[in-house]
Protein backbone atom coordinates (compact mmCIF):
# COMPACT_ATOMS: atom_id res chain seq x y z
CA MET A 1 -6.08 19.66 -13.88
CA SER A 2 -5.02 18.87 -17.37
CA ASN A 3 -5.40 16.18 -19.22
CA THR A 4 -2.63 16.32 -21.48
CA PRO A 5 -0.78 12.76 -21.39
CA HIS A 6 3.06 12.83 -19.86
CA GLU A 7 5.19 10.53 -22.04
CA LEU A 8 8.75 10.66 -20.67
CA ALA A 9 9.67 11.63 -23.82
CA GLU A 10 8.20 14.72 -23.63
CA GLU A 11 9.22 15.03 -19.93
CA PHE A 12 12.74 14.50 -20.62
CA PRO A 13 12.95 15.34 -23.87
CA ALA A 14 16.61 15.98 -24.12
CA GLU A 15 17.10 12.47 -22.00
CA ALA A 16 14.97 10.30 -24.97
CA GLY A 17 17.81 8.81 -26.78
CA LYS A 18 19.24 7.24 -22.86
CA ILE A 19 15.88 6.49 -21.79
CA SER A 20 16.01 4.13 -25.20
CA ALA A 21 19.35 2.90 -24.77
CA LEU A 22 18.37 1.72 -21.02
CA LYS A 23 14.96 0.21 -21.90
CA GLU A 24 17.30 -2.00 -24.20
CA THR A 25 19.83 -3.00 -21.99
CA ASP A 26 18.68 -2.73 -18.05
CA ALA A 27 15.76 -4.58 -17.29
CA HIS A 28 13.97 -2.82 -14.23
CA PHE A 29 14.68 0.51 -16.13
CA ALA A 30 12.37 -0.79 -18.55
CA ARG A 31 9.99 -2.25 -16.32
CA LEU A 32 9.82 0.88 -14.21
CA VAL A 33 8.96 2.63 -17.54
CA GLU A 34 6.36 -0.22 -18.97
CA GLU A 35 4.80 1.00 -15.31
CA TYR A 36 4.91 4.93 -15.83
CA HIS A 37 3.86 4.71 -19.56
CA THR A 38 0.22 1.95 -17.63
CA VAL A 39 0.29 4.73 -15.20
CA ASN A 40 0.49 7.62 -17.08
CA ARG A 41 -2.23 5.84 -19.79
CA LYS A 42 -4.60 5.28 -16.47
CA VAL A 43 -4.42 8.79 -15.21
CA HIS A 44 -5.01 10.50 -18.38
CA ARG A 45 -8.08 8.33 -19.34
CA ALA A 46 -9.44 9.15 -15.96
CA GLU A 47 -8.75 13.22 -17.13
CA THR A 48 -10.43 12.55 -20.15
CA LEU A 49 -13.78 10.90 -18.47
CA VAL A 50 -12.77 7.93 -20.82
CA GLU A 51 -12.85 5.47 -17.51
CA PRO A 52 -13.93 7.78 -15.05
CA THR A 53 -12.59 6.66 -10.51
CA SER A 54 -12.66 8.81 -8.03
CA ALA A 55 -11.33 11.25 -7.35
CA ASP A 56 -9.46 10.11 -4.43
CA HIS A 57 -8.04 7.02 -6.77
CA GLU A 58 -6.72 9.60 -9.41
CA ALA A 59 -4.98 11.97 -7.00
CA GLU A 60 -3.49 8.09 -5.80
CA LEU A 61 -2.30 7.24 -9.41
CA ARG A 62 -1.38 10.80 -10.17
CA LYS A 63 1.45 10.32 -6.69
CA THR A 64 2.42 6.91 -8.31
CA ARG A 65 2.73 8.58 -11.80
CA ALA A 66 4.92 11.10 -9.60
CA LEU A 67 6.87 8.75 -7.47
CA LEU A 68 7.82 6.06 -10.82
CA LYS A 69 8.66 9.93 -12.85
CA ASP A 70 11.40 10.81 -10.00
CA THR A 71 13.25 7.60 -10.08
CA ILE A 72 13.21 7.16 -13.32
CA TRP A 73 14.65 10.63 -13.53
CA LYS A 74 17.53 9.33 -10.57
CA ARG A 75 18.30 7.13 -12.90
CA LEU A 76 18.75 8.35 -16.11
CA SER A 77 20.81 11.18 -13.85
CA ALA A 78 23.25 8.57 -12.43
């Protein structure tokens, strides 16, 4: 288990400019990014025990984060 934050700019460094531009022009993309950041913060807080949670809930948060990341990548790749 890693407690390193998975920020989108770190996950997709070559796409940082595109992420920023799409957030400005595509409301759906902006919502996806905001939801990713919200879930990512929850995962990080669970990992660092700032907000402890059950292992099952943490696993579910990780799955949600992965699905959002995949969806964001698909939009970036389109």
